[in-house]
Amino acid sequence: MEHRKRLQTERLPYRDREIVIEGPMPAAALARLKLHPQLDAFRRPEEQMKALIEIAELPEGRIIAASDGETVVGYVTFHYPDELERWSEGGMTDLIELGAVEVSDDYRGLGLGKRMIQLAFSQEQLENVIVYTTEYYWHWDLEGTKLSVWEYRAMMERLMKSVQMEWVATDDPEICAHPANCLMVRVGKEVPLSSIEQFDRVRFRQRFMY
């Protein structure tokens, strides 16, 4: 299927300069940048940058980044589901995971997460796919933000709803492990009914639940 990668750029005034928000970024462009040292939620910044470059090289992969000069201060990843996760079981070429969303502590409060995600969906780039995200409370920076589990959950819902992603039910054990966890989904307007039905079969193994 066609993976639409239409590079978009947005500039946000910041102090005496600009933060550049752009993507989907080519791997070569990412390789010329460095990751802010605070972007270490998943692995060390040097290792995380290698992972971002690898995602950018994938046919379906896309990285949206916010950069202050030569330093990436925030990013969002999109890619196929991991082969070890249930979401890959349907073998769907039009199912894409909105994976990591990370913003440096020093740059929070600027709305970078929302701006990056909205840019990713611009120009109808993702209208031919189903985009999903899995929210697990154990991945959230509750200590850094000083938010409760439910406040953080509400913040993530607002962020995802800014691009019309909606909460949907599932019997996935990890999501069902805590009431704050959730699955949010956006079905592009060009996605065929057969793909929607296939995704329903993936998110419910116990068929009586839908």
Protein backbone atom coordinates (compact mmCIF):
# COMPACT_ATOMS: atom_id res chain seq x y z
CA MET A 1 0.00 0.00 0.00
CA GLU A 2 1.02 3.65 -0.34
CA HIS A 3 2.69 5.23 2.67
CA ARG A 4 2.29 8.96 2.15
CA LYS A 5 5.28 10.89 3.42
CA ARG A 6 4.82 14.58 2.70
CA LEU A 7 7.40 16.61 4.59
CA GLN A 8 5.73 19.42 6.53
CA THR A 9 7.44 22.20 8.47
CA GLU A 10 6.15 24.53 11.17
CA ARG A 11 8.05 27.17 13.12
CA LEU A 12 7.36 28.18 16.70
CA PRO A 13 8.88 31.40 18.09
CA TYR A 14 10.90 30.57 21.19
CA ARG A 15 12.88 33.17 23.13
CA ASP A 16 15.23 34.77 20.61
CA ARG A 17 14.96 31.97 18.04
CA GLU A 18 12.58 29.37 16.59
CA ILE A 19 11.78 25.76 17.27
CA VAL A 20 11.32 23.88 14.00
CA ILE A 21 8.67 21.16 13.95
CA GLU A 22 8.93 18.93 10.88
CA GLY A 23 8.26 15.51 9.48
CA PRO A 24 8.06 12.84 8.41
CA MET A 25 11.83 13.34 8.59
CA PRO A 26 14.20 11.50 6.24
CA ALA A 27 16.74 9.36 8.06
CA ALA A 28 19.62 11.40 6.62
CA ALA A 29 18.21 14.63 8.05
CA LEU A 30 17.75 13.05 11.48
CA ALA A 31 21.32 11.75 11.43
CA ARG A 32 22.63 15.33 11.30
CA LEU A 33 20.94 16.17 14.62
CA LYS A 34 21.47 15.11 18.22
CA LEU A 35 18.92 14.18 20.85
CA HIS A 36 18.45 16.38 23.91
CA PRO A 37 19.96 14.64 26.98
CA GLN A 38 16.60 14.74 28.79
CA LEU A 39 15.01 12.51 26.12
CA ASP A 40 15.84 9.32 28.00
CA ALA A 41 12.46 7.83 28.88
CA PHE A 42 13.03 4.70 26.80
CA ARG A 43 16.82 4.38 26.48
CA ARG A 44 19.93 6.55 26.50
CA PRO A 45 19.66 9.48 24.05
CA GLU A 46 22.41 8.15 21.76
CA GLU A 47 20.69 4.77 21.52
CA GLN A 48 17.28 6.36 21.10
CA MET A 49 18.54 8.47 18.19
CA LYS A 50 19.73 5.30 16.45
CA ALA A 51 16.26 3.82 16.96
CA LEU A 52 14.60 6.94 15.51
CA ILE A 53 16.82 6.80 12.43
CA GLU A 54 15.96 3.12 11.96
CA ILE A 55 12.24 3.93 12.15
CA ALA A 56 12.65 6.76 9.63
CA GLU A 57 14.22 4.28 7.21
CA LEU A 58 11.20 1.96 7.31
CA PRO A 59 8.72 2.24 4.41
CA GLU A 60 5.88 2.88 6.87
CA GLY A 61 7.96 4.56 9.58
CA ARG A 62 7.72 8.24 10.27
CA ILE A 63 9.38 10.53 12.78
CA ILE A 64 8.00 13.97 13.61
CA ALA A 65 10.60 16.04 15.43
CA ALA A 66 10.83 19.39 17.18
CA SER A 67 14.33 20.86 16.99
CA ASP A 68 16.03 23.78 18.70
CA GLY A 69 18.95 24.41 16.37
CA GLU A 70 20.74 21.09 15.92
CA THR A 71 19.11 19.49 18.97
CA VAL A 72 15.92 17.42 18.86
CA VAL A 73 13.86 18.43 21.90
CA GLY A 74 10.77 16.35 21.14
CA TYR A 75 9.61 13.60 18.81
CA VAL A 76 6.71 11.35 17.87
CA THR A 77 7.10 7.93 16.23
CA PHE A 78 4.81 6.01 13.85
CA HIS A 79 5.50 2.45 12.69
CA TYR A 80 3.97 -0.99 12.25
CA PRO A 81 3.13 -2.92 15.45
CA ASP A 82 5.95 -4.92 16.99
CA GLU A 83 5.86 -8.53 15.79
CA LEU A 84 5.64 -9.75 19.38
CA GLU A 85 2.50 -7.71 20.14
CA ARG A 86 -1.06 -8.83 19.46
CA TRP A 87 -1.67 -5.83 17.19
CA SER A 88 0.51 -7.45 14.52
CA GLU A 89 -1.55 -10.64 14.48
CA GLY A 90 -3.90 -9.45 11.74
CA GLY A 91 -1.04 -8.96 9.29
CA MET A 92 -2.51 -5.56 8.38
CA THR A 93 -0.52 -3.25 6.11
CA ASP A 94 -2.85 -0.37 6.94
CA LEU A 95 -2.53 -0.49 10.74
CA ILE A 96 0.04 1.94 12.16
CA GLU A 97 1.05 2.48 15.77
CA LEU A 98 1.51 5.97 17.13
CA GLY A 99 4.30 4.90 19.46
CA ALA A 100 6.47 7.15 21.56
CA VAL A 101 5.67 10.80 22.32
CA GLU A 102 8.49 12.48 24.23
CA VAL A 103 9.33 16.12 24.96
CA SER A 104 12.34 17.39 26.93
CA ASP A 105 11.51 18.65 30.40
CA ASP A 106 12.94 22.09 29.58
CA TYR A 107 10.54 22.48 26.64
CA ARG A 108 7.29 21.30 28.20
CA GLY A 109 4.38 23.70 28.30
CA LEU A 110 4.91 24.88 24.71
CA GLY A 111 2.36 22.50 23.22
CA LEU A 112 5.02 20.64 21.24
CA GLY A 113 3.38 17.23 21.65
CA LYS A 114 0.11 18.47 20.21
CA ARG A 115 1.82 20.38 17.39
CA MET A 116 3.90 17.36 16.36
CA ILE A 117 0.93 15.00 16.33
CA GLN A 118 -1.26 17.42 14.39
CA LEU A 119 1.50 17.94 11.83
CA ALA A 120 1.73 14.15 11.36
CA PHE A 121 -1.92 13.98 10.32
CA SER A 122 -1.79 17.04 8.04
CA GLN A 123 -2.19 16.86 4.25
CA GLU A 124 -4.31 13.69 4.62
CA GLN A 125 -1.14 11.64 5.04
CA LEU A 126 -2.79 9.09 7.31
CA GLU A 127 -6.28 8.88 5.83
CA ASN A 128 -5.61 5.44 4.29
CA VAL A 129 -4.60 3.78 7.57
CA ILE A 130 -5.90 2.98 11.02
CA VAL A 131 -3.70 4.68 13.61
CA TYR A 132 -3.77 3.35 17.17
CA THR A 133 -1.93 4.11 20.38
CA THR A 134 -1.73 2.11 23.58
CA GLU A 135 -1.52 4.14 26.77
CA TYR A 136 -0.02 2.39 29.81
CA TYR A 137 0.22 4.28 33.07
CA TRP A 138 3.61 2.72 33.87
CA HIS A 139 5.11 4.60 30.90
CA TRP A 140 3.90 7.99 32.13
CA ASP A 141 6.17 10.55 33.78
CA LEU A 142 4.02 10.98 36.88
CA GLU A 143 6.95 12.08 39.01
CA GLY A 144 8.23 14.69 36.57
CA THR A 145 4.81 16.19 35.83
CA LYS A 146 3.47 15.91 39.40
CA LEU A 147 0.19 14.68 37.93
CA SER A 148 -1.95 11.88 39.30
CA VAL A 149 -2.60 8.82 37.17
CA TRP A 150 -6.04 10.13 36.23
CA GLU A 151 -4.80 13.65 35.48
CA TYR A 152 -2.14 12.22 33.19
CA ARG A 153 -4.69 9.96 31.53
CA ALA A 154 -6.94 12.98 30.89
CA MET A 155 -3.99 14.91 29.45
CA MET A 156 -3.16 12.06 27.04
CA GLU A 157 -6.78 11.75 25.98
CA ARG A 158 -6.94 15.46 25.19
CA LEU A 159 -3.73 15.17 23.19
CA MET A 160 -4.98 12.25 21.11
CA LYS A 161 -8.44 13.70 20.65
CA SER A 162 -6.83 16.75 19.02
CA VAL A 163 -6.41 14.51 15.93
CA GLN A 164 -9.78 12.76 16.35
CA MET A 165 -8.43 9.64 18.01
CA GLU A 166 -11.08 7.98 20.15
CA TRP A 167 -11.09 5.57 23.07
CA VAL A 168 -12.16 2.05 22.05
CA ALA A 169 -12.63 -1.13 24.06
CA THR A 170 -10.38 -4.19 23.91
CA ASP A 171 -9.79 -7.39 25.84
CA ASP A 172 -6.00 -7.02 25.60
CA PRO A 173 -4.64 -8.16 29.01
CA GLU A 174 -2.05 -5.38 29.33
CA ILE A 175 -4.60 -2.66 28.73
CA CYS A 176 -7.10 -4.37 31.02
CA ALA A 177 -4.43 -4.63 33.74
CA HIS A 178 -5.25 -1.13 35.04
CA PRO A 179 -8.33 1.08 34.52
CA ALA A 180 -6.18 4.06 33.52
CA ASN A 181 -4.69 2.18 30.57
CA CYS A 182 -6.48 2.62 27.27
CA LEU A 183 -6.49 2.00 23.53
CA MET A 184 -7.17 5.00 21.30
CA VAL A 185 -7.81 4.75 17.57
CA ARG A 186 -8.35 6.90 14.50
CA VAL A 187 -9.76 5.28 11.37
CA GLY A 188 -8.79 7.18 8.22
CA LYS A 189 -11.65 8.07 5.89
CA GLU A 190 -10.17 5.92 3.10
CA VAL A 191 -9.84 2.73 5.19
CA PRO A 192 -12.00 -0.10 3.81
CA LEU A 193 -14.59 -1.86 5.95
CA SER A 194 -12.64 -5.12 5.65
CA SER A 195 -9.69 -3.54 7.51
CA ILE A 196 -11.95 -2.15 10.22
CA GLU A 197 -13.46 -5.60 10.75
CA GLN A 198 -10.02 -7.19 10.82
CA PHE A 199 -8.86 -4.73 13.49
CA ASP A 200 -11.97 -5.53 15.53
CA ARG A 201 -10.99 -9.20 15.44
CA VAL A 202 -7.50 -8.30 16.67
CA ARG A 203 -8.62 -6.12 19.56
CA PHE A 204 -11.13 -8.74 20.76
CA ARG A 205 -9.98 -12.32 21.05
CA GLN A 206 -13.14 -13.13 22.97
CA ARG A 207 -15.56 -12.60 20.10
CA PHE A 208 -18.65 -12.33 22.31
CA MET A 209 -17.34 -8.96 23.53
CA TYR A 210 -18.19 -7.13 20.30
